Amino acid sequence: MSPHEAIFRFSTSNAKQICQALIPELADEVNSRSMTQCWLEGVDTLVLKVNAQDLAALRAALNMVLRLVNVADEMQDLTKSSI
C-alpha cells in the first residue's frame, strides 16, 4: 500500500480488551491515505500496524490510534480499581 509503516507491540494484561475496543474504531476509519490494523500475539501482546502514503498521514494515524490505546488502557485500570 505505502512506503511508510509503523509497528508497535504492547505487552499488557489488558491486550485482549484493548484490541476488542480498537477493532470497531478501526473498522470505521475513513482515511484513504492510511490503514491501521491490530491483532494479538499470544495472550498479552497487542500489535498495531499503521501504513500510510505519506509522513503526515502516518503521524495523524499514529496520533489517533495511540490515543485510543491510551484511553482503552486507562479505562481498564479504572474498572479494575473500582471493583
PDB file of N, CA and C in Angstrom:
ATOM      1  N   MET A   1       0.817  -1.200   0.000  1.00  0.00           N
ATOM      2  CA  MET A   1       0.000   0.000   0.000  1.00  0.00           C
ATOM      3  C   MET A   1       0.854   1.254   0.000  1.00  0.00           C
ATOM      4  N   SER A   2       1.870   1.290   0.858  1.00  0.00           N
ATOM      5  CA  SER A   2       2.514   2.575   1.054  1.00  0.00           C
ATOM      6  C   SER A   2       3.969   2.423   1.481  1.00  0.00           C
ATOM      7  N   PRO A   3       4.715   3.483   1.343  1.00  0.00           N
ATOM      8  CA  PRO A   3       6.124   3.436   1.712  1.00  0.00           C
ATOM      9  C   PRO A   3       6.397   3.670   3.193  1.00  0.00           C
ATOM     10  N   HIS A   4       5.385   4.063   3.960  1.00  0.00           N
ATOM     11  CA  HIS A   4       5.601   4.373   5.374  1.00  0.00           C
ATOM     12  C   HIS A   4       4.832   3.396   6.246  1.00  0.00           C
ATOM     13  N   GLU A   5       5.535   2.845   7.245  1.00  0.00           N
ATOM     14  CA  GLU A   5       4.917   1.838   8.106  1.00  0.00           C
ATOM     15  C   GLU A   5       5.460   1.982   9.517  1.00  0.00           C
ATOM     16  N   ALA A   6       4.580   1.768  10.489  1.00  0.00           N
ATOM     17  CA  ALA A   6       4.985   1.746  11.891  1.00  0.00           C
ATOM     18  C   ALA A   6       4.313   0.546  12.543  1.00  0.00           C
ATOM     19  N   ILE A   7       5.088  -0.188  13.343  1.00  0.00           N
ATOM     20  CA  ILE A   7       4.544  -1.337  14.065  1.00  0.00           C
ATOM     21  C   ILE A   7       4.889  -1.162  15.537  1.00  0.00           C
ATOM     22  N   PHE A   8       3.877  -1.310  16.390  1.00  0.00           N
ATOM     23  CA  PHE A   8       4.048  -1.222  17.834  1.00  0.00           C
ATOM     24  C   PHE A   8       3.593  -2.524  18.463  1.00  0.00           C
ATOM     25  N   ARG A   9       4.316  -2.964  19.475  1.00  0.00           N
ATOM     26  CA  ARG A   9       3.915  -4.126  20.260  1.00  0.00           C
ATOM     27  C   ARG A   9       3.831  -3.684  21.718  1.00  0.00           C
ATOM     28  N   PHE A  10       2.661  -3.909  22.312  1.00  0.00           N
ATOM     29  CA  PHE A  10       2.426  -3.551  23.708  1.00  0.00           C
ATOM     30  C   PHE A  10       2.232  -4.830  24.511  1.00  0.00           C
ATOM     31  N   SER A  11       3.038  -5.021  25.526  1.00  0.00           N
ATOM     32  CA  SER A  11       2.851  -6.155  26.425  1.00  0.00           C
ATOM     33  C   SER A  11       2.047  -5.672  27.622  1.00  0.00           C
ATOM     34  N   THR A  12       0.842  -6.204  27.766  1.00  0.00           N
ATOM     35  CA  THR A  12      -0.042  -5.792  28.843  1.00  0.00           C
ATOM     36  C   THR A  12      -1.063  -6.882  29.123  1.00  0.00           C
ATOM     37  N   SER A  13      -1.490  -6.973  30.347  1.00  0.00           N
ATOM     38  CA  SER A  13      -2.539  -7.941  30.691  1.00  0.00           C
ATOM     39  C   SER A  13      -3.885  -7.527  30.105  1.00  0.00           C
ATOM     40  N   ASN A  14      -3.987  -6.285  29.642  1.00  0.00           N
ATOM     41  CA  ASN A  14      -5.224  -5.776  29.042  1.00  0.00           C
ATOM     42  C   ASN A  14      -5.245  -5.892  27.520  1.00  0.00           C
ATOM     43  N   ALA A  15      -4.321  -6.622  26.934  1.00  0.00           N
ATOM     44  CA  ALA A  15      -4.177  -6.669  25.471  1.00  0.00           C
ATOM     45  C   ALA A  15      -5.478  -7.068  24.778  1.00  0.00           C
ATOM     46  N   LYS A  16      -6.138  -8.104  25.260  1.00  0.00           N
ATOM     47  CA  LYS A  16      -7.363  -8.581  24.605  1.00  0.00           C
ATOM     48  C   LYS A  16      -8.461  -7.517  24.658  1.00  0.00           C
ATOM     49  N   GLN A  17      -8.657  -6.901  25.808  1.00  0.00           N
ATOM     50  CA  GLN A  17      -9.700  -5.899  25.963  1.00  0.00           C
ATOM     51  C   GLN A  17      -9.410  -4.660  25.110  1.00  0.00           C
ATOM     52  N   ILE A  18      -8.155  -4.255  25.055  1.00  0.00           N
ATOM     53  CA  ILE A  18      -7.790  -3.085  24.246  1.00  0.00           C
ATOM     54  C   ILE A  18      -8.016  -3.386  22.769  1.00  0.00           C
ATOM     55  N   CYS A  19      -7.620  -4.568  22.332  1.00  0.00           N
ATOM     56  CA  CYS A  19      -7.809  -4.955  20.933  1.00  0.00           C
ATOM     57  C   CYS A  19      -9.298  -4.967  20.583  1.00  0.00           C
ATOM     58  N   GLN A  20     -10.121  -5.520  21.465  1.00  0.00           N
ATOM     59  CA  GLN A  20     -11.567  -5.558  21.225  1.00  0.00           C
ATOM     60  C   GLN A  20     -12.157  -4.151  21.169  1.00  0.00           C
ATOM     61  N   ALA A  21     -11.606  -3.233  21.939  1.00  0.00           N
ATOM     62  CA  ALA A  21     -12.090  -1.851  21.918  1.00  0.00           C
ATOM     63  C   ALA A  21     -11.656  -1.137  20.635  1.00  0.00           C
ATOM     64  N   LEU A  22     -10.495  -1.469  20.111  1.00  0.00           N
ATOM     65  CA  LEU A  22      -9.971  -0.791  18.923  1.00  0.00           C
ATOM     66  C   LEU A  22     -10.610  -1.269  17.625  1.00  0.00           C
ATOM     67  N   ILE A  23     -10.945  -2.530  17.531  1.00  0.00           N
ATOM     68  CA  ILE A  23     -11.425  -3.103  16.265  1.00  0.00           C
ATOM     69  C   ILE A  23     -12.605  -2.330  15.672  1.00  0.00           C
ATOM     70  N   PRO A  24     -13.653  -1.998  16.447  1.00  0.00           N
ATOM     71  CA  PRO A  24     -14.754  -1.223  15.840  1.00  0.00           C
ATOM     72  C   PRO A  24     -14.310   0.172  15.381  1.00  0.00           C
ATOM     73  N   GLU A  25     -13.426   0.794  16.123  1.00  0.00           N
ATOM     74  CA  GLU A  25     -12.937   2.124  15.740  1.00  0.00           C
ATOM     75  C   GLU A  25     -12.143   2.056  14.440  1.00  0.00           C
ATOM     76  N   LEU A  26     -11.325   1.042  14.303  1.00  0.00           N
ATOM     77  CA  LEU A  26     -10.503   0.914  13.108  1.00  0.00           C
ATOM     78  C   LEU A  26     -11.337   0.511  11.895  1.00  0.00           C
ATOM     79  N   ALA A  27     -12.428  -0.219  12.123  1.00  0.00           N
ATOM     80  CA  ALA A  27     -13.310  -0.616  11.023  1.00  0.00           C
ATOM     81  C   ALA A  27     -14.027   0.605  10.435  1.00  0.00           C
ATOM     82  N   ASP A  28     -14.275   1.617  11.276  1.00  0.00           N
ATOM     83  CA  ASP A  28     -14.959   2.831  10.820  1.00  0.00           C
ATOM     84  C   ASP A  28     -14.002   3.882  10.255  1.00  0.00           C
ATOM     85  N   GLU A  29     -12.721   3.583  10.272  1.00  0.00           N
ATOM     86  CA  GLU A  29     -11.710   4.531   9.799  1.00  0.00           C
ATOM     87  C   GLU A  29     -11.937   4.835   8.314  1.00  0.00           C
ATOM     88  N   VAL A  30     -11.993   6.119   7.977  1.00  0.00           N
ATOM     89  CA  VAL A  30     -12.300   6.512   6.605  1.00  0.00           C
ATOM     90  C   VAL A  30     -11.182   7.374   6.010  1.00  0.00           C
ATOM     91  N   ASN A  31      -9.974   6.997   6.206  1.00  0.00           N
ATOM     92  CA  ASN A  31      -8.862   7.769   5.663  1.00  0.00           C
ATOM     93  C   ASN A  31      -8.244   6.979   4.515  1.00  0.00           C
ATOM     94  N   SER A  32      -8.300   7.532   3.329  1.00  0.00           N
ATOM     95  CA  SER A  32      -7.769   6.825   2.161  1.00  0.00           C
ATOM     96  C   SER A  32      -6.239   6.848   2.118  1.00  0.00           C
ATOM     97  N   ARG A  33      -5.612   7.658   2.975  1.00  0.00           N
ATOM     98  CA  ARG A  33      -4.148   7.775   2.954  1.00  0.00           C
ATOM     99  C   ARG A  33      -3.452   6.874   3.962  1.00  0.00           C
ATOM    100  N   SER A  34      -4.233   6.204   4.840  1.00  0.00           N
ATOM    101  CA  SER A  34      -3.603   5.320   5.824  1.00  0.00           C
ATOM    102  C   SER A  34      -4.519   4.143   6.149  1.00  0.00           C
ATOM    103  N   MET A  35      -3.907   3.100   6.691  1.00  0.00           N
ATOM    104  CA  MET A  35      -4.653   1.928   7.113  1.00  0.00           C
ATOM    105  C   MET A  35      -4.020   1.414   8.402  1.00  0.00           C
ATOM    106  N   THR A  36      -4.867   1.107   9.380  1.00  0.00           N
ATOM    107  CA  THR A  36      -4.390   0.633  10.672  1.00  0.00           C
ATOM    108  C   THR A  36      -4.993  -0.730  10.961  1.00  0.00           C
ATOM    109  N   GLN A  37      -4.161  -1.625  11.465  1.00  0.00           N
ATOM    110  CA  GLN A  37      -4.610  -2.959  11.851  1.00  0.00           C
ATOM    111  C   GLN A  37      -4.155  -3.230  13.276  1.00  0.00           C
ATOM    112  N   CYS A  38      -4.908  -4.066  13.992  1.00  0.00           N
ATOM    113  CA  CYS A  38      -4.466  -4.515  15.306  1.00  0.00           C
ATOM    114  C   CYS A  38      -4.788  -5.994  15.451  1.00  0.00           C
ATOM    115  N   TRP A  39      -3.959  -6.682  16.210  1.00  0.00           N
ATOM    116  CA  TRP A  39      -4.183  -8.093  16.487  1.00  0.00           C
ATOM    117  C   TRP A  39      -3.395  -8.466  17.739  1.00  0.00           C
ATOM    118  N   LEU A  40      -3.649  -9.672  18.214  1.00  0.00           N
ATOM    119  CA  LEU A  40      -2.969 -10.179  19.403  1.00  0.00           C
ATOM    120  C   LEU A  40      -1.890 -11.166  18.999  1.00  0.00           C
ATOM    121  N   GLU A  41      -0.784 -11.119  19.708  1.00  0.00           N
ATOM    122  CA  GLU A  41       0.245 -12.144  19.619  1.00  0.00           C
ATOM    123  C   GLU A  41       0.327 -12.764  21.009  1.00  0.00           C
ATOM    124  N   GLY A  42      -0.115 -13.983  21.106  1.00  0.00           N
ATOM    125  CA  GLY A  42      -0.177 -14.606  22.419  1.00  0.00           C
ATOM    126  C   GLY A  42      -1.312 -14.010  23.226  1.00  0.00           C
ATOM    127  N   VAL A  43      -1.195 -14.103  24.526  1.00  0.00           N
ATOM    128  CA  VAL A  43      -2.267 -13.643  25.408  1.00  0.00           C
ATOM    129  C   VAL A  43      -2.097 -12.183  25.820  1.00  0.00           C
ATOM    130  N   ASP A  44      -0.861 -11.725  25.891  1.00  0.00           N
ATOM    131  CA  ASP A  44      -0.633 -10.409  26.485  1.00  0.00           C
ATOM    132  C   ASP A  44       0.114  -9.419  25.590  1.00  0.00           C
ATOM    133  N   THR A  45       0.104  -9.636  24.273  1.00  0.00           N
ATOM    134  CA  THR A  45       0.787  -8.699  23.380  1.00  0.00           C
ATOM    135  C   THR A  45      -0.175  -8.189  22.316  1.00  0.00           C
ATOM    136  N   LEU A  46      -0.380  -6.881  22.323  1.00  0.00           N
ATOM    137  CA  LEU A  46      -1.194  -6.201  21.330  1.00  0.00           C
ATOM    138  C   LEU A  46      -0.259  -5.642  20.268  1.00  0.00           C
ATOM    139  N   VAL A  47      -0.567  -5.911  19.013  1.00  0.00           N
ATOM    140  CA  VAL A  47       0.249  -5.410  17.903  1.00  0.00           C
ATOM    141  C   VAL A  47      -0.580  -4.418  17.100  1.00  0.00           C
ATOM    142  N   LEU A  48      -0.002  -3.260  16.843  1.00  0.00           N
ATOM    143  CA  LEU A  48      -0.616  -2.245  15.977  1.00  0.00           C
ATOM    144  C   LEU A  48       0.283  -2.039  14.776  1.00  0.00           C
ATOM    145  N   LYS A  49      -0.311  -2.022  13.600  1.00  0.00           N
ATOM    146  CA  LYS A  49       0.433  -1.771  12.364  1.00  0.00           C
ATOM    147  C   LYS A  49      -0.272  -0.659  11.606  1.00  0.00           C
ATOM    148  N   VAL A  50       0.477   0.396  11.310  1.00  0.00           N
ATOM    149  CA  VAL A  50      -0.064   1.537  10.581  1.00  0.00           C
ATOM    150  C   VAL A  50       0.735   1.711   9.296  1.00  0.00           C
ATOM    151  N   ASN A  51       0.044   1.716   8.181  1.00  0.00           N
ATOM    152  CA  ASN A  51       0.632   2.002   6.870  1.00  0.00           C
ATOM    153  C   ASN A  51       0.060   3.317   6.368  1.00  0.00           C
ATOM    154  N   ALA A  52       0.919   4.115   5.738  1.00  0.00           N
ATOM    155  CA  ALA A  52       0.443   5.399   5.219  1.00  0.00           C
ATOM    156  C   ALA A  52       1.186   5.767   3.946  1.00  0.00           C
ATOM    157  N   GLN A  53       0.523   6.567   3.139  1.00  0.00           N
ATOM    158  CA  GLN A  53       1.102   7.004   1.861  1.00  0.00           C
ATOM    159  C   GLN A  53       2.168   8.074   2.053  1.00  0.00           C
ATOM    160  N   ASP A  54       2.039   8.863   3.127  1.00  0.00           N
ATOM    161  CA  ASP A  54       2.995   9.939   3.372  1.00  0.00           C
ATOM    162  C   ASP A  54       3.182  10.118   4.867  1.00  0.00           C
ATOM    163  N   LEU A  55       4.195  10.869   5.240  1.00  0.00           N
ATOM    164  CA  LEU A  55       4.522  11.032   6.659  1.00  0.00           C
ATOM    165  C   LEU A  55       3.437  11.770   7.445  1.00  0.00           C
ATOM    166  N   ALA A  56       2.795  12.737   6.833  1.00  0.00           N
ATOM    167  CA  ALA A  56       1.725  13.463   7.527  1.00  0.00           C
ATOM    168  C   ALA A  56       0.571  12.518   7.858  1.00  0.00           C
ATOM    169  N   ALA A  57       0.217  11.654   6.937  1.00  0.00           N
ATOM    170  CA  ALA A  57      -0.859  10.687   7.178  1.00  0.00           C
ATOM    171  C   ALA A  57      -0.443   9.676   8.239  1.00  0.00           C
ATOM    172  N   LEU A  58       0.827   9.273   8.226  1.00  0.00           N
ATOM    173  CA  LEU A  58       1.321   8.341   9.249  1.00  0.00           C
ATOM    174  C   LEU A  58       1.239   8.979  10.631  1.00  0.00           C
ATOM    175  N   ARG A  59       1.686  10.210  10.738  1.00  0.00           N
ATOM    176  CA  ARG A  59       1.643  10.921  12.020  1.00  0.00           C
ATOM    177  C   ARG A  59       0.210  11.060  12.522  1.00  0.00           C
ATOM    178  N   ALA A  60      -0.701  11.444  11.654  1.00  0.00           N
ATOM    179  CA  ALA A  60      -2.095  11.611  12.053  1.00  0.00           C
ATOM    180  C   ALA A  60      -2.702  10.287  12.506  1.00  0.00           C
ATOM    181  N   ALA A  61      -2.441   9.222  11.767  1.00  0.00           N
ATOM    182  CA  ALA A  61      -2.982   7.911  12.139  1.00  0.00           C
ATOM    183  C   ALA A  61      -2.395   7.428  13.460  1.00  0.00           C
ATOM    184  N   LEU A  62      -1.096   7.639  13.645  1.00  0.00           N
ATOM    185  CA  LEU A  62      -0.465   7.231  14.911  1.00  0.00           C
ATOM    186  C   LEU A  62      -1.020   8.026  16.085  1.00  0.00           C
ATOM    187  N   ASN A  63      -1.190   9.326  15.908  1.00  0.00           N
ATOM    188  CA  ASN A  63      -1.776  10.138  16.983  1.00  0.00           C
ATOM    189  C   ASN A  63      -3.138   9.586  17.394  1.00  0.00           C
ATOM    190  N   MET A  64      -3.968   9.262  16.412  1.00  0.00           N
ATOM    191  CA  MET A  64      -5.309   8.771  16.695  1.00  0.00           C
ATOM    192  C   MET A  64      -5.277   7.412  17.389  1.00  0.00           C
ATOM    193  N   VAL A  65      -4.556   6.473  16.816  1.00  0.00           N
ATOM    194  CA  VAL A  65      -4.606   5.114  17.355  1.00  0.00           C
ATOM    195  C   VAL A  65      -3.887   5.007  18.697  1.00  0.00           C
ATOM    196  N   LEU A  66      -2.795   5.713  18.883  1.00  0.00           N
ATOM    197  CA  LEU A  66      -2.106   5.657  20.181  1.00  0.00           C
ATOM    198  C   LEU A  66      -2.938   6.325  21.270  1.00  0.00           C
ATOM    199  N   ARG A  67      -3.678   7.356  20.914  1.00  0.00           N
ATOM    200  CA  ARG A  67      -4.591   7.981  21.872  1.00  0.00           C
ATOM    201  C   ARG A  67      -5.688   6.988  22.281  1.00  0.00           C
ATOM    202  N   LEU A  68      -6.227   6.259  21.300  1.00  0.00           N
ATOM    203  CA  LEU A  68      -7.261   5.256  21.593  1.00  0.00           C
ATOM    204  C   LEU A  68      -6.720   4.141  22.485  1.00  0.00           C
ATOM    205  N   VAL A  69      -5.487   3.704  22.232  1.00  0.00           N
ATOM    206  CA  VAL A  69      -4.871   2.672  23.082  1.00  0.00           C
ATOM    207  C   VAL A  69      -4.739   3.190  24.506  1.00  0.00           C
ATOM    208  N   ASN A  70      -4.282   4.416  24.648  1.00  0.00           N
ATOM    209  CA  ASN A  70      -4.114   5.001  25.975  1.00  0.00           C
ATOM    210  C   ASN A  70      -5.444   5.083  26.721  1.00  0.00           C
ATOM    211  N   VAL A  71      -6.490   5.552  26.062  1.00  0.00           N
ATOM    212  CA  VAL A  71      -7.807   5.663  26.696  1.00  0.00           C
ATOM    213  C   VAL A  71      -8.336   4.283  27.084  1.00  0.00           C
ATOM    214  N   ALA A  72      -8.217   3.314  26.191  1.00  0.00           N
ATOM    215  CA  ALA A  72      -8.702   1.961  26.488  1.00  0.00           C
ATOM    216  C   ALA A  72      -7.950   1.359  27.673  1.00  0.00           C
ATOM    217  N   ASP A  73      -6.641   1.581  27.731  1.00  0.00           N
ATOM    218  CA  ASP A  73      -5.848   1.064  28.842  1.00  0.00           C
ATOM    219  C   ASP A  73      -6.227   1.744  30.158  1.00  0.00           C
ATOM    220  N   GLU A  74      -6.411   3.063  30.120  1.00  0.00           N
ATOM    221  CA  GLU A  74      -6.815   3.785  31.328  1.00  0.00           C
ATOM    222  C   GLU A  74      -8.185   3.324  31.818  1.00  0.00           C
ATOM    223  N   MET A  75      -9.098   3.056  30.900  1.00  0.00           N
ATOM    224  CA  MET A  75     -10.429   2.575  31.288  1.00  0.00           C
ATOM    225  C   MET A  75     -10.342   1.201  31.941  1.00  0.00           C
ATOM    226  N   GLN A  76      -9.476   0.342  31.447  1.00  0.00           N
ATOM    227  CA  GLN A  76      -9.288  -0.969  32.069  1.00  0.00           C
ATOM    228  C   GLN A  76      -8.772  -0.807  33.491  1.00  0.00           C
ATOM    229  N   ASP A  77      -7.814   0.095  33.690  1.00  0.00           N
ATOM    230  CA  ASP A  77      -7.271   0.345  35.028  1.00  0.00           C
ATOM    231  C   ASP A  77      -8.353   0.903  35.944  1.00  0.00           C
ATOM    232  N   LEU A  78      -9.190   1.820  35.431  1.00  0.00           N
ATOM    233  CA  LEU A  78     -10.268   2.391  36.259  1.00  0.00           C
ATOM    234  C   LEU A  78     -11.286   1.332  36.685  1.00  0.00           C
ATOM    235  N   THR A  79     -11.654   0.467  35.755  1.00  0.00           N
ATOM    236  CA  THR A  79     -12.650  -0.546  36.096  1.00  0.00           C
ATOM    237  C   THR A  79     -12.078  -1.565  37.077  1.00  0.00           C
ATOM    238  N   LYS A  80     -10.801  -1.849  36.980  1.00  0.00           N
ATOM    239  CA  LYS A  80     -10.169  -2.792  37.935  1.00  0.00           C
ATOM    240  C   LYS A  80     -10.071  -2.177  39.327  1.00  0.00           C
ATOM    241  N   SER A  81      -9.768  -0.884  39.395  1.00  0.00           N
ATOM    242  CA  SER A  81      -9.612  -0.246  40.705  1.00  0.00           C
ATOM    243  C   SER A  81     -10.943   0.021  41.391  1.00  0.00           C
ATOM    244  N   SER A  82     -12.037   0.049  40.638  1.00  0.00           N
ATOM    245  CA  SER A  82     -13.345   0.313  41.254  1.00  0.00           C
ATOM    246  C   SER A  82     -14.001  -0.968  41.764  1.00  0.00           C
ATOM    247  N   ILE A  83     -13.433  -2.114  41.456  1.00  0.00           N
ATOM    248  CA  ILE A  83     -14.014  -3.391  41.905  1.00  0.00           C
ATOM    249  C   ILE A  83     -13.577  -3.707  43.310  1.00  0.00           C
TER     250      ILE A  83
END
